[in-house]
Amino acid sequence: MPLIKVQSSVSNPAPSLIEGLLKILSGKLAQHVGKPESYVMTAFEPNVAMTFGGTIEPTCYIEVKNIGTMSPAQTKAMSEDFCQVVSEKLSVSPNRVYIEFADAKGSMWGWNSSTFG
């Protein structure tokens, strides 16, 4: 059930750019957490009114959730990887990206009329 959700102040990115971004993030998240990509969900929300450091320059907030425990080494590698992708695809500087990593209990995540726990 890995999930990566990107919220960004970037306005009106092309649909093909968003699709490419989500596909790249999906594959990378699956690889980082060692789970099949068939369980990965990606989401992108553009045009979010946001500030970072008191300015309205392009910025992103990324949520990464996963059942199980993500190690500090994993989250550091994901931070580097995801910031690079967002920088390349959305032109958002890595120093304007916050990423929240959250471990989830299987019983607290539903899917297919049940839960993972």
PDB file of N, CA and C in Angstrom:
ATOM      1  N   MET A   1       0.782  -1.205   0.000  1.00  0.00           N
ATOM      2  CA  MET A   1       0.000   0.000   0.000  1.00  0.00           C
ATOM      3  C   MET A   1       0.822   1.266   0.000  1.00  0.00           C
ATOM      4  N   PRO A   2       2.015   1.222  -0.491  1.00  0.00           N
ATOM      5  CA  PRO A   2       2.759   2.480  -0.497  1.00  0.00           C
ATOM      6  C   PRO A   2       1.996   3.574  -1.245  1.00  0.00           C
ATOM      7  N   LEU A   3       2.048   4.778  -0.705  1.00  0.00           N
ATOM      8  CA  LEU A   3       1.381   5.933  -1.297  1.00  0.00           C
ATOM      9  C   LEU A   3       2.364   7.087  -1.350  1.00  0.00           C
ATOM     10  N   ILE A   4       2.384   7.786  -2.472  1.00  0.00           N
ATOM     11  CA  ILE A   4       3.105   9.054  -2.562  1.00  0.00           C
ATOM     12  C   ILE A   4       2.148  10.076  -3.138  1.00  0.00           C
ATOM     13  N   LYS A   5       1.977  11.178  -2.390  1.00  0.00           N
ATOM     14  CA  LYS A   5       1.073  12.249  -2.791  1.00  0.00           C
ATOM     15  C   LYS A   5       1.872  13.542  -2.857  1.00  0.00           C
ATOM     16  N   VAL A   6       1.800  14.204  -4.002  1.00  0.00           N
ATOM     17  CA  VAL A   6       2.524  15.454  -4.209  1.00  0.00           C
ATOM     18  C   VAL A   6       1.508  16.584  -4.316  1.00  0.00           C
ATOM     19  N   GLN A   7       1.668  17.582  -3.463  1.00  0.00           N
ATOM     20  CA  GLN A   7       0.891  18.814  -3.568  1.00  0.00           C
ATOM     21  C   GLN A   7       1.873  19.903  -3.955  1.00  0.00           C
ATOM     22  N   SER A   8       1.490  20.737  -4.930  1.00  0.00           N
ATOM     23  CA  SER A   8       2.411  21.744  -5.409  1.00  0.00           C
ATOM     24  C   SER A   8       1.696  23.043  -5.758  1.00  0.00           C
ATOM     25  N   SER A   9       2.435  24.126  -5.614  1.00  0.00           N
ATOM     26  CA  SER A   9       1.912  25.423  -6.024  1.00  0.00           C
ATOM     27  C   SER A   9       2.061  25.621  -7.532  1.00  0.00           C
ATOM     28  N   VAL A  10       2.744  24.727  -8.202  1.00  0.00           N
ATOM     29  CA  VAL A  10       2.916  24.830  -9.652  1.00  0.00           C
ATOM     30  C   VAL A  10       1.541  24.779 -10.306  1.00  0.00           C
ATOM     31  N   SER A  11       1.273  25.735 -11.168  1.00  0.00           N
ATOM     32  CA  SER A  11      -0.052  25.817 -11.772  1.00  0.00           C
ATOM     33  C   SER A  11      -0.067  25.250 -13.181  1.00  0.00           C
ATOM     34  N   ASN A  12      -1.099  24.506 -13.440  1.00  0.00           N
ATOM     35  CA  ASN A  12      -1.420  23.995 -14.769  1.00  0.00           C
ATOM     36  C   ASN A  12      -0.303  23.249 -15.492  1.00  0.00           C
ATOM     37  N   PRO A  13       0.368  22.292 -14.828  1.00  0.00           N
ATOM     38  CA  PRO A  13       1.338  21.498 -15.580  1.00  0.00           C
ATOM     39  C   PRO A  13       0.606  20.650 -16.622  1.00  0.00           C
ATOM     40  N   ALA A  14       1.265  20.385 -17.715  1.00  0.00           N
ATOM     41  CA  ALA A  14       0.661  19.607 -18.796  1.00  0.00           C
ATOM     42  C   ALA A  14       0.275  18.217 -18.293  1.00  0.00           C
ATOM     43  N   PRO A  15      -0.869  17.684 -18.744  1.00  0.00           N
ATOM     44  CA  PRO A  15      -1.282  16.334 -18.338  1.00  0.00           C
ATOM     45  C   PRO A  15      -0.210  15.279 -18.595  1.00  0.00           C
ATOM     46  N   SER A  16       0.504  15.389 -19.702  1.00  0.00           N
ATOM     47  CA  SER A  16       1.552  14.396 -20.006  1.00  0.00           C
ATOM     48  C   SER A  16       2.698  14.503 -19.003  1.00  0.00           C
ATOM     49  N   LEU A  17       2.988  15.710 -18.535  1.00  0.00           N
ATOM     50  CA  LEU A  17       4.030  15.893 -17.533  1.00  0.00           C
ATOM     51  C   LEU A  17       3.612  15.246 -16.218  1.00  0.00           C
ATOM     52  N   ILE A  18       2.361  15.463 -15.822  1.00  0.00           N
ATOM     53  CA  ILE A  18       1.848  14.866 -14.580  1.00  0.00           C
ATOM     54  C   ILE A  18       1.870  13.346 -14.666  1.00  0.00           C
ATOM     55  N   GLU A  19       1.399  12.804 -15.788  1.00  0.00           N
ATOM     56  CA  GLU A  19       1.389  11.347 -15.965  1.00  0.00           C
ATOM     57  C   GLU A  19       2.800  10.788 -15.868  1.00  0.00           C
ATOM     58  N   GLY A  20       3.744  11.437 -16.519  1.00  0.00           N
ATOM     59  CA  GLY A  20       5.138  10.980 -16.458  1.00  0.00           C
ATOM     60  C   GLY A  20       5.697  11.051 -15.054  1.00  0.00           C
ATOM     61  N   LEU A  21       5.418  12.150 -14.347  1.00  0.00           N
ATOM     62  CA  LEU A  21       5.865  12.318 -12.972  1.00  0.00           C
ATOM     63  C   LEU A  21       5.329  11.202 -12.088  1.00  0.00           C
ATOM     64  N   LEU A  22       4.030  10.937 -12.185  1.00  0.00           N
ATOM     65  CA  LEU A  22       3.406   9.911 -11.342  1.00  0.00           C
ATOM     66  C   LEU A  22       3.953   8.518 -11.639  1.00  0.00           C
ATOM     67  N   LYS A  23       4.197   8.222 -12.897  1.00  0.00           N
ATOM     68  CA  LYS A  23       4.746   6.906 -13.258  1.00  0.00           C
ATOM     69  C   LYS A  23       6.169   6.731 -12.729  1.00  0.00           C
ATOM     70  N   ILE A  24       6.968   7.785 -12.839  1.00  0.00           N
ATOM     71  CA  ILE A  24       8.338   7.713 -12.307  1.00  0.00           C
ATOM     72  C   ILE A  24       8.310   7.517 -10.794  1.00  0.00           C
ATOM     73  N   LEU A  25       7.500   8.317 -10.101  1.00  0.00           N
ATOM     74  CA  LEU A  25       7.419   8.212  -8.643  1.00  0.00           C
ATOM     75  C   LEU A  25       6.905   6.850  -8.206  1.00  0.00           C
ATOM     76  N   SER A  26       5.963   6.283  -8.949  1.00  0.00           N
ATOM     77  CA  SER A  26       5.418   4.966  -8.627  1.00  0.00           C
ATOM     78  C   SER A  26       6.516   3.902  -8.649  1.00  0.00           C
ATOM     79  N   GLY A  27       7.272   3.887  -9.718  1.00  0.00           N
ATOM     80  CA  GLY A  27       8.345   2.897  -9.836  1.00  0.00           C
ATOM     81  C   GLY A  27       9.416   3.084  -8.780  1.00  0.00           C
ATOM     82  N   LYS A  28       9.788   4.327  -8.531  1.00  0.00           N
ATOM     83  CA  LYS A  28      10.829   4.605  -7.541  1.00  0.00           C
ATOM     84  C   LYS A  28      10.371   4.237  -6.128  1.00  0.00           C
ATOM     85  N   LEU A  29       9.112   4.551  -5.785  1.00  0.00           N
ATOM     86  CA  LEU A  29       8.622   4.214  -4.452  1.00  0.00           C
ATOM     87  C   LEU A  29       8.593   2.701  -4.251  1.00  0.00           C
ATOM     88  N   ALA A  30       8.121   1.982  -5.245  1.00  0.00           N
ATOM     89  CA  ALA A  30       8.101   0.510  -5.149  1.00  0.00           C
ATOM     90  C   ALA A  30       9.505  -0.031  -4.904  1.00  0.00           C
ATOM     91  N   GLN A  31      10.452   0.505  -5.637  1.00  0.00           N
ATOM     92  CA  GLN A  31      11.842   0.053  -5.498  1.00  0.00           C
ATOM     93  C   GLN A  31      12.389   0.381  -4.108  1.00  0.00           C
ATOM     94  N   HIS A  32      12.139   1.580  -3.627  1.00  0.00           N
ATOM     95  CA  HIS A  32      12.673   1.993  -2.320  1.00  0.00           C
ATOM     96  C   HIS A  32      12.119   1.170  -1.167  1.00  0.00           C
ATOM     97  N   VAL A  33      10.824   0.837  -1.218  1.00  0.00           N
ATOM     98  CA  VAL A  33      10.232   0.101  -0.084  1.00  0.00           C
ATOM     99  C   VAL A  33      10.191  -1.407  -0.315  1.00  0.00           C
ATOM    100  N   GLY A  34      10.612  -1.843  -1.508  1.00  0.00           N
ATOM    101  CA  GLY A  34      10.687  -3.277  -1.784  1.00  0.00           C
ATOM    102  C   GLY A  34       9.335  -3.952  -1.892  1.00  0.00           C
ATOM    103  N   LYS A  35       8.363  -3.240  -2.437  1.00  0.00           N
ATOM    104  CA  LYS A  35       7.021  -3.812  -2.608  1.00  0.00           C
ATOM    105  C   LYS A  35       6.635  -3.757  -4.075  1.00  0.00           C
ATOM    106  N   PRO A  36       5.705  -4.636  -4.493  1.00  0.00           N
ATOM    107  CA  PRO A  36       5.295  -4.636  -5.900  1.00  0.00           C
ATOM    108  C   PRO A  36       4.644  -3.306  -6.282  1.00  0.00           C
ATOM    109  N   GLU A  37       4.966  -2.832  -7.467  1.00  0.00           N
ATOM    110  CA  GLU A  37       4.379  -1.575  -7.926  1.00  0.00           C
ATOM    111  C   GLU A  37       2.862  -1.685  -8.058  1.00  0.00           C
ATOM    112  N   SER A  38       2.349  -2.904  -8.184  1.00  0.00           N
ATOM    113  CA  SER A  38       0.902  -3.089  -8.301  1.00  0.00           C
ATOM    114  C   SER A  38       0.151  -2.601  -7.056  1.00  0.00           C
ATOM    115  N   TYR A  39       0.858  -2.404  -5.943  1.00  0.00           N
ATOM    116  CA  TYR A  39       0.240  -1.885  -4.720  1.00  0.00           C
ATOM    117  C   TYR A  39       0.473  -0.391  -4.519  1.00  0.00           C
ATOM    118  N   VAL A  40       1.282   0.234  -5.352  1.00  0.00           N
ATOM    119  CA  VAL A  40       1.642   1.641  -5.165  1.00  0.00           C
ATOM    120  C   VAL A  40       0.553   2.553  -5.718  1.00  0.00           C
ATOM    121  N   MET A  41       0.211   3.586  -4.941  1.00  0.00           N
ATOM    122  CA  MET A  41      -0.711   4.628  -5.402  1.00  0.00           C
ATOM    123  C   MET A  41       0.049   5.939  -5.438  1.00  0.00           C
ATOM    124  N   THR A  42      -0.193   6.717  -6.498  1.00  0.00           N
ATOM    125  CA  THR A  42       0.397   8.044  -6.613  1.00  0.00           C
ATOM    126  C   THR A  42      -0.722   9.057  -6.793  1.00  0.00           C
ATOM    127  N   ALA A  43      -0.494  10.273  -6.322  1.00  0.00           N
ATOM    128  CA  ALA A  43      -1.478  11.345  -6.489  1.00  0.00           C
ATOM    129  C   ALA A  43      -0.730  12.655  -6.666  1.00  0.00           C
ATOM    130  N   PHE A  44      -1.323  13.545  -7.454  1.00  0.00           N
ATOM    131  CA  PHE A  44      -0.728  14.860  -7.680  1.00  0.00           C
ATOM    132  C   PHE A  44      -1.823  15.912  -7.614  1.00  0.00           C
ATOM    133  N   GLU A  45      -1.553  16.953  -6.852  1.00  0.00           N
ATOM    134  CA  GLU A  45      -2.502  18.051  -6.695  1.00  0.00           C
ATOM    135  C   GLU A  45      -1.782  19.365  -7.039  1.00  0.00           C
ATOM    136  N   PRO A  46      -2.065  19.937  -8.218  1.00  0.00           N
ATOM    137  CA  PRO A  46      -1.431  21.198  -8.602  1.00  0.00           C
ATOM    138  C   PRO A  46      -2.228  22.390  -8.078  1.00  0.00           C
ATOM    139  N   ASN A  47      -1.685  23.564  -8.288  1.00  0.00           N
ATOM    140  CA  ASN A  47      -2.388  24.815  -7.985  1.00  0.00           C
ATOM    141  C   ASN A  47      -2.764  24.978  -6.510  1.00  0.00           C
ATOM    142  N   VAL A  48      -1.995  24.389  -5.611  1.00  0.00           N
ATOM    143  CA  VAL A  48      -2.286  24.517  -4.190  1.00  0.00           C
ATOM    144  C   VAL A  48      -1.684  25.838  -3.705  1.00  0.00           C
ATOM    145  N   ALA A  49      -2.485  26.643  -3.047  1.00  0.00           N
ATOM    146  CA  ALA A  49      -1.986  27.895  -2.490  1.00  0.00           C
ATOM    147  C   ALA A  49      -1.016  27.565  -1.359  1.00  0.00           C
ATOM    148  N   MET A  50       0.252  27.880  -1.557  1.00  0.00           N
ATOM    149  CA  MET A  50       1.286  27.502  -0.596  1.00  0.00           C
ATOM    150  C   MET A  50       2.338  28.608  -0.500  1.00  0.00           C
ATOM    151  N   THR A  51       2.964  28.688   0.657  1.00  0.00           N
ATOM    152  CA  THR A  51       4.174  29.486   0.811  1.00  0.00           C
ATOM    153  C   THR A  51       5.246  28.596   1.407  1.00  0.00           C
ATOM    154  N   PHE A  52       6.479  28.983   1.211  1.00  0.00           N
ATOM    155  CA  PHE A  52       7.618  28.319   1.847  1.00  0.00           C
ATOM    156  C   PHE A  52       8.633  29.414   2.116  1.00  0.00           C
ATOM    157  N   GLY A  53       9.037  29.542   3.345  1.00  0.00           N
ATOM    158  CA  GLY A  53       9.986  30.584   3.697  1.00  0.00           C
ATOM    159  C   GLY A  53       9.432  31.978   3.479  1.00  0.00           C
ATOM    160  N   GLY A  54       8.113  32.105   3.540  1.00  0.00           N
ATOM    161  CA  GLY A  54       7.482  33.397   3.396  1.00  0.00           C
ATOM    162  C   GLY A  54       7.316  33.890   1.975  1.00  0.00           C
ATOM    163  N   THR A  55       7.613  33.025   0.983  1.00  0.00           N
ATOM    164  CA  THR A  55       7.455  33.434  -0.414  1.00  0.00           C
ATOM    165  C   THR A  55       6.510  32.485  -1.132  1.00  0.00           C
ATOM    166  N   ILE A  56       6.025  32.923  -2.282  1.00  0.00           N
ATOM    167  CA  ILE A  56       5.113  32.094  -3.089  1.00  0.00           C
ATOM    168  C   ILE A  56       5.820  31.483  -4.296  1.00  0.00           C
ATOM    169  N   GLU A  57       7.156  31.448  -4.279  1.00  0.00           N
ATOM    170  CA  GLU A  57       7.895  30.765  -5.347  1.00  0.00           C
ATOM    171  C   GLU A  57       7.447  29.305  -5.369  1.00  0.00           C
ATOM    172  N   PRO A  58       7.588  28.610  -6.514  1.00  0.00           N
ATOM    173  CA  PRO A  58       7.134  27.216  -6.612  1.00  0.00           C
ATOM    174  C   PRO A  58       7.650  26.350  -5.457  1.00  0.00           C
ATOM    175  N   THR A  59       6.742  25.561  -4.906  1.00  0.00           N
ATOM    176  CA  THR A  59       7.069  24.699  -3.774  1.00  0.00           C
ATOM    177  C   THR A  59       6.247  23.410  -3.845  1.00  0.00           C
ATOM    178  N   CYS A  60       6.661  22.414  -3.077  1.00  0.00           N
ATOM    179  CA  CYS A  60       5.942  21.127  -3.018  1.00  0.00           C
ATOM    180  C   CYS A  60       5.932  20.597  -1.599  1.00  0.00           C
ATOM    181  N   TYR A  61       4.851  19.906  -1.292  1.00  0.00           N
ATOM    182  CA  TYR A  61       4.738  19.110  -0.071  1.00  0.00           C
ATOM    183  C   TYR A  61       4.437  17.694  -0.530  1.00  0.00           C
ATOM    184  N   ILE A  62       5.223  16.737  -0.057  1.00  0.00           N
ATOM    185  CA  ILE A  62       5.076  15.340  -0.483  1.00  0.00           C
ATOM    186  C   ILE A  62       4.808  14.481   0.743  1.00  0.00           C
ATOM    187  N   GLU A  63       3.814  13.606   0.635  1.00  0.00           N
ATOM    188  CA  GLU A  63       3.530  12.622   1.681  1.00  0.00           C
ATOM    189  C   GLU A  63       3.890  11.246   1.157  1.00  0.00           C
ATOM    190  N   VAL A  64       4.598  10.481   1.973  1.00  0.00           N
ATOM    191  CA  VAL A  64       4.931   9.098   1.643  1.00  0.00           C
ATOM    192  C   VAL A  64       4.460   8.241   2.807  1.00  0.00           C
ATOM    193  N   LYS A  65       3.572   7.292   2.506  1.00  0.00           N
ATOM    194  CA  LYS A  65       3.061   6.389   3.535  1.00  0.00           C
ATOM    195  C   LYS A  65       3.320   4.957   3.102  1.00  0.00           C
ATOM    196  N   ASN A  66       3.574   4.099   4.088  1.00  0.00           N
ATOM    197  CA  ASN A  66       3.896   2.709   3.796  1.00  0.00           C
ATOM    198  C   ASN A  66       3.571   1.846   5.006  1.00  0.00           C
ATOM    199  N   ILE A  67       3.028   0.684   4.752  1.00  0.00           N
ATOM    200  CA  ILE A  67       2.827  -0.276   5.840  1.00  0.00           C
ATOM    201  C   ILE A  67       4.177  -0.893   6.153  1.00  0.00           C
ATOM    202  N   GLY A  68       4.546  -0.833   7.417  1.00  0.00           N
ATOM    203  CA  GLY A  68       5.850  -1.326   7.835  1.00  0.00           C
ATOM    204  C   GLY A  68       6.719  -0.154   8.255  1.00  0.00           C
ATOM    205  N   THR A  69       7.966  -0.426   8.461  1.00  0.00           N
ATOM    206  CA  THR A  69       8.883   0.588   8.957  1.00  0.00           C
ATOM    207  C   THR A  69       9.854   1.007   7.872  1.00  0.00           C
ATOM    208  N   MET A  70       9.970   2.302   7.675  1.00  0.00           N
ATOM    209  CA  MET A  70      10.965   2.844   6.760  1.00  0.00           C
ATOM    210  C   MET A  70      12.165   3.278   7.601  1.00  0.00           C
ATOM    211  N   SER A  71      13.329   2.810   7.229  1.00  0.00           N
ATOM    212  CA  SER A  71      14.540   3.132   7.985  1.00  0.00           C
ATOM    213  C   SER A  71      15.032   4.536   7.646  1.00  0.00           C
ATOM    214  N   PRO A  72      15.862   5.115   8.513  1.00  0.00           N
ATOM    215  CA  PRO A  72      16.449   6.411   8.195  1.00  0.00           C
ATOM    216  C   PRO A  72      17.222   6.402   6.872  1.00  0.00           C
ATOM    217  N   ALA A  73      17.890   5.325   6.571  1.00  0.00           N
ATOM    218  CA  ALA A  73      18.621   5.236   5.300  1.00  0.00           C
ATOM    219  C   ALA A  73      17.643   5.259   4.115  1.00  0.00           C
ATOM    220  N   GLN A  74      16.509   4.568   4.263  1.00  0.00           N
ATOM    221  CA  GLN A  74      15.499   4.564   3.197  1.00  0.00           C
ATOM    222  C   GLN A  74      14.903   5.954   2.997  1.00  0.00           C
ATOM    223  N   THR A  75      14.529   6.617   4.087  1.00  0.00           N
ATOM    224  CA  THR A  75      13.897   7.926   3.941  1.00  0.00           C
ATOM    225  C   THR A  75      14.878   8.951   3.379  1.00  0.00           C
ATOM    226  N   LYS A  76      16.139   8.856   3.749  1.00  0.00           N
ATOM    227  CA  LYS A  76      17.141   9.766   3.198  1.00  0.00           C
ATOM    228  C   LYS A  76      17.289   9.547   1.692  1.00  0.00           C
ATOM    229  N   ALA A  77      17.362   8.282   1.269  1.00  0.00           N
ATOM    230  CA  ALA A  77      17.486   7.970  -0.159  1.00  0.00           C
ATOM    231  C   ALA A  77      16.245   8.408  -0.924  1.00  0.00           C
ATOM    232  N   MET A  78      15.064   8.201  -0.337  1.00  0.00           N
ATOM    233  CA  MET A  78      13.828   8.628  -0.990  1.00  0.00           C
ATOM    234  C   MET A  78      13.769  10.145  -1.099  1.00  0.00           C
ATOM    235  N   SER A  79      14.181  10.846  -0.061  1.00  0.00           N
ATOM    236  CA  SER A  79      14.168  12.302  -0.091  1.00  0.00           C
ATOM    237  C   SER A  79      15.026  12.816  -1.246  1.00  0.00           C
ATOM    238  N   GLU A  80      16.210  12.265  -1.361  1.00  0.00           N
ATOM    239  CA  GLU A  80      17.101  12.675  -2.450  1.00  0.00           C
ATOM    240  C   GLU A  80      16.487  12.369  -3.813  1.00  0.00           C
ATOM    241  N   ASP A  81      15.972  11.171  -3.957  1.00  0.00           N
ATOM    242  CA  ASP A  81      15.396  10.722  -5.226  1.00  0.00           C
ATOM    243  C   ASP A  81      14.162  11.533  -5.619  1.00  0.00           C
ATOM    244  N   PHE A  82      13.226  11.701  -4.691  1.00  0.00           N
ATOM    245  CA  PHE A  82      11.977  12.389  -4.998  1.00  0.00           C
ATOM    246  C   PHE A  82      12.208  13.886  -5.235  1.00  0.00           C
ATOM    247  N   CYS A  83      13.121  14.493  -4.475  1.00  0.00           N
ATOM    248  CA  CYS A  83      13.441  15.906  -4.718  1.00  0.00           C
ATOM    249  C   CYS A  83      14.040  16.105  -6.105  1.00  0.00           C
ATOM    250  N   GLN A  84      14.874  15.172  -6.532  1.00  0.00           N
ATOM    251  CA  GLN A  84      15.468  15.262  -7.869  1.00  0.00           C
ATOM    252  C   GLN A  84      14.393  15.186  -8.946  1.00  0.00           C
ATOM    253  N   VAL A  85      13.446  14.261  -8.791  1.00  0.00           N
ATOM    254  CA  VAL A  85      12.375  14.106  -9.775  1.00  0.00           C
ATOM    255  C   VAL A  85      11.508  15.360  -9.833  1.00  0.00           C
ATOM    256  N   VAL A  86      11.125  15.884  -8.680  1.00  0.00           N
ATOM    257  CA  VAL A  86      10.282  17.077  -8.629  1.00  0.00           C
ATOM    258  C   VAL A  86      11.021  18.285  -9.221  1.00  0.00           C
ATOM    259  N   SER A  87      12.306  18.355  -8.966  1.00  0.00           N
ATOM    260  CA  SER A  87      13.104  19.441  -9.530  1.00  0.00           C
ATOM    261  C   SER A  87      13.143  19.348 -11.052  1.00  0.00           C
ATOM    262  N   GLU A  88      13.376  18.148 -11.568  1.00  0.00           N
ATOM    263  CA  GLU A  88      13.455  17.952 -13.021  1.00  0.00           C
ATOM    264  C   GLU A  88      12.113  18.156 -13.707  1.00  0.00           C
ATOM    265  N   LYS A  89      11.064  17.618 -13.140  1.00  0.00           N
ATOM    266  CA  LYS A  89       9.755  17.634 -13.802  1.00  0.00           C
ATOM    267  C   LYS A  89       8.954  18.907 -13.564  1.00  0.00           C
ATOM    268  N   LEU A  90       9.065  19.492 -12.351  1.00  0.00           N
ATOM    269  CA  LEU A  90       8.236  20.647 -12.008  1.00  0.00           C
ATOM    270  C   LEU A  90       9.041  21.935 -11.829  1.00  0.00           C
ATOM    271  N   SER A  91      10.354  21.829 -11.934  1.00  0.00           N
ATOM    272  CA  SER A  91      11.238  22.986 -11.714  1.00  0.00           C
ATOM    273  C   SER A  91      11.076  23.574 -10.315  1.00  0.00           C
ATOM    274  N   VAL A  92      10.881  22.699  -9.333  1.00  0.00           N
ATOM    275  CA  VAL A  92      10.819  23.124  -7.936  1.00  0.00           C
ATOM    276  C   VAL A  92      12.158  22.764  -7.291  1.00  0.00           C
ATOM    277  N   SER A  93      12.828  23.751  -6.748  1.00  0.00           N
ATOM    278  CA  SER A  93      14.122  23.535  -6.121  1.00  0.00           C
ATOM    279  C   SER A  93      13.980  22.596  -4.919  1.00  0.00           C
ATOM    280  N   PRO A  94      14.916  21.661  -4.749  1.00  0.00           N
ATOM    281  CA  PRO A  94      14.846  20.750  -3.601  1.00  0.00           C
ATOM    282  C   PRO A  94      14.768  21.458  -2.248  1.00  0.00           C
ATOM    283  N   ASN A  95      15.311  22.677  -2.153  1.00  0.00           N
ATOM    284  CA  ASN A  95      15.239  23.381  -0.873  1.00  0.00           C
ATOM    285  C   ASN A  95      13.877  24.038  -0.653  1.00  0.00           C
ATOM    286  N   ARG A  96      12.922  23.756  -1.562  1.00  0.00           N
ATOM    287  CA  ARG A  96      11.548  24.236  -1.407  1.00  0.00           C
ATOM    288  C   ARG A  96      10.570  23.055  -1.374  1.00  0.00           C
ATOM    289  N   VAL A  97      11.073  21.907  -0.917  1.00  0.00           N
ATOM    290  CA  VAL A  97      10.272  20.681  -0.838  1.00  0.00           C
ATOM    291  C   VAL A  97      10.342  20.135   0.581  1.00  0.00           C
ATOM    292  N   TYR A  98       9.191  19.892   1.166  1.00  0.00           N
ATOM    293  CA  TYR A  98       9.105  19.146   2.417  1.00  0.00           C
ATOM    294  C   TYR A  98       8.509  17.783   2.093  1.00  0.00           C
ATOM    295  N   ILE A  99       9.039  16.753   2.750  1.00  0.00           N
ATOM    296  CA  ILE A  99       8.522  15.394   2.579  1.00  0.00           C
ATOM    297  C   ILE A  99       8.205  14.835   3.957  1.00  0.00           C
ATOM    298  N   GLU A 100       6.986  14.343   4.095  1.00  0.00           N
ATOM    299  CA  GLU A 100       6.579  13.680   5.335  1.00  0.00           C
ATOM    300  C   GLU A 100       6.523  12.182   5.081  1.00  0.00           C
ATOM    301  N   PHE A 101       7.284  11.423   5.863  1.00  0.00           N
ATOM    302  CA  PHE A 101       7.279   9.967   5.779  1.00  0.00           C
ATOM    303  C   PHE A 101       6.473   9.431   6.954  1.00  0.00           C
ATOM    304  N   ALA A 102       5.555   8.504   6.685  1.00  0.00           N
ATOM    305  CA  ALA A 102       4.726   7.950   7.753  1.00  0.00           C
ATOM    306  C   ALA A 102       4.595   6.440   7.597  1.00  0.00           C
ATOM    307  N   ASP A 103       4.925   5.732   8.661  1.00  0.00           N
ATOM    308  CA  ASP A 103       4.699   4.287   8.713  1.00  0.00           C
ATOM    309  C   ASP A 103       3.255   4.046   9.132  1.00  0.00           C
ATOM    310  N   ALA A 104       2.603   3.102   8.492  1.00  0.00           N
ATOM    311  CA  ALA A 104       1.207   2.799   8.807  1.00  0.00           C
ATOM    312  C   ALA A 104       1.085   1.361   9.303  1.00  0.00           C
ATOM    313  N   LYS A 105       0.170   1.156  10.235  1.00  0.00           N
ATOM    314  CA  LYS A 105      -0.173  -0.207  10.665  1.00  0.00           C
ATOM    315  C   LYS A 105      -1.088  -0.808   9.616  1.00  0.00           C
ATOM    316  N   GLY A 106      -0.902  -2.067   9.331  1.00  0.00           N
ATOM    317  CA  GLY A 106      -1.726  -2.743   8.333  1.00  0.00           C
ATOM    318  C   GLY A 106      -3.207  -2.665   8.631  1.00  0.00           C
ATOM    319  N   SER A 107      -3.559  -2.730   9.903  1.00  0.00           N
ATOM    320  CA  SER A 107      -4.974  -2.689  10.281  1.00  0.00           C
ATOM    321  C   SER A 107      -5.584  -1.301  10.110  1.00  0.00           C
ATOM    322  N   MET A 108      -4.741  -0.303   9.880  1.00  0.00           N
ATOM    323  CA  MET A 108      -5.229   1.068   9.720  1.00  0.00           C
ATOM    324  C   MET A 108      -5.269   1.501   8.259  1.00  0.00           C
ATOM    325  N   TRP A 109      -5.120   0.543   7.348  1.00  0.00           N
ATOM    326  CA  TRP A 109      -5.138   0.857   5.920  1.00  0.00           C
ATOM    327  C   TRP A 109      -6.056  -0.131   5.218  1.00  0.00           C
ATOM    328  N   GLY A 110      -7.143   0.385   4.644  1.00  0.00           N
ATOM    329  CA  GLY A 110      -8.124  -0.475   3.984  1.00  0.00           C
ATOM    330  C   GLY A 110      -7.857  -0.622   2.496  1.00  0.00           C
ATOM    331  N   TRP A 111      -8.271  -1.760   1.971  1.00  0.00           N
ATOM    332  CA  TRP A 111      -8.158  -2.046   0.543  1.00  0.00           C
ATOM    333  C   TRP A 111      -9.044  -3.245   0.213  1.00  0.00           C
ATOM    334  N   ASN A 112      -9.719  -3.173  -0.896  1.00  0.00           N
ATOM    335  CA  ASN A 112     -10.479  -4.308  -1.421  1.00  0.00           C
ATOM    336  C   ASN A 112     -11.457  -4.880  -0.372  1.00  0.00           C
ATOM    337  N   SER A 113     -12.165  -3.996   0.286  1.00  0.00           N
ATOM    338  CA  SER A 113     -13.183  -4.351   1.280  1.00  0.00           C
ATOM    339  C   SER A 113     -12.619  -4.975   2.555  1.00  0.00           C
ATOM    340  N   SER A 114     -11.335  -4.810   2.807  1.00  0.00           N
ATOM    341  CA  SER A 114     -10.704  -5.349   4.009  1.00  0.00           C
ATOM    342  C   SER A 114      -9.592  -4.398   4.432  1.00  0.00           C
ATOM    343  N   THR A 115      -8.645  -4.888   5.227  1.00  0.00           N
ATOM    344  CA  THR A 115      -7.473  -4.123   5.587  1.00  0.00           C
ATOM    345  C   THR A 115      -6.236  -4.996   5.358  1.00  0.00           C
ATOM    346  N   PHE A 116      -5.065  -4.393   5.507  1.00  0.00           N
ATOM    347  CA  PHE A 116      -3.818  -5.144   5.350  1.00  0.00           C
ATOM    348  C   PHE A 116      -3.370  -5.782   6.654  1.00  0.00           C
ATOM    349  N   GLY A 117      -4.157  -5.617   7.736  1.00  0.00           N
ATOM    350  CA  GLY A 117      -3.705  -6.143   9.036  1.00  0.00           C
ATOM    351  C   GLY A 117      -4.619  -7.167   9.621  1.00  0.00           C
TER     352      GLY A 117
END
